Amino acid sequence: MTSWNGWTILQDLSSIDKGNSLIALLKTLIRKYVLTGFLVLIPVFLTGWVLVTLFRITDKALALIPRAYRPETLIGFKIPGLGMVISFLLVFILGAFVANVIGRKLLAAGEKLLEKIPLVRWFYFSSKQLLEAVFTKEGDSFRRVVLIEYPRKGLYSIGFVTGESKGEVDRKVPGPSLTVFIPTTPNPTSGFLYIVPETETIPLSWSVEDAFRMVVSAGVIQPPTANQFPGSSQSAGGPLR
């Protein structure tokens, strides 16, 4: 990180030719120090904004409680962030309840009821499957990063393996194949789904977080092992033909 002290600034000033104009000097300082300041300030600001927004949303959830039973009514003053604590406890209690036998039976009965409602059924089960694929450890969905030679020979795209092809797809595609999600930049929530032969994928040692950072930053943020691209000794599989 750039050192913020007077000696560093003097060194930068002395490195500029005496014939350079004042405008060139200002451009140099702005490019080096103001940009560095923004790179430090913007992530801090965004992190603070997310935390403050989360606090406000969870605190507003307390309005669902009858006024006579709200914490500020019972203790006489308002505690900032109490809504977040209560929301966390409620989610924890719900998870503990669903994890036992009675909770699982009630959940199964509720899901059978939702299956009879067309629009609600699609939204509920689609979101549930997506969350289970991302957050549970039962599979390797979104836990493997690969390269595929796309959109043409010589160009490579970063992809996330979401599973193995099954059913009719597995029977009609020759050899084992994978479902690979190719995200768009800088918005990785949209993208394209491809069915790719497993032998034509190139496994990467990156974590999912590292790959997402690279996608969101349009390649500005490189993972620690970004130098291990196709052609290295760790590449596996062949290119797409």
Foldseek 3Di string as FASTA:
>chain_A
DDDPDPVVLVVVVVVDDPPDDPVVVVVVCCVPPVVVVCVVPVVVVVVVVVVVVVQVVLVVVLVVPPPCPRPCNVVVHDDRSVSVVVVVVVVVVLVVQCPDDVNVVVVVVVLVVQCVPVVSNVVVVVVVVVCCQPPPPPDCALFWWKWACPDHHPDIFIWTFGAWDDDPVCVPDPATWTWIFGAAELDRVDTDIDIGHPLRIWTDPDGSVQVNVCRNVVNPRHPPVNVPDPPDPRTGHHHDD
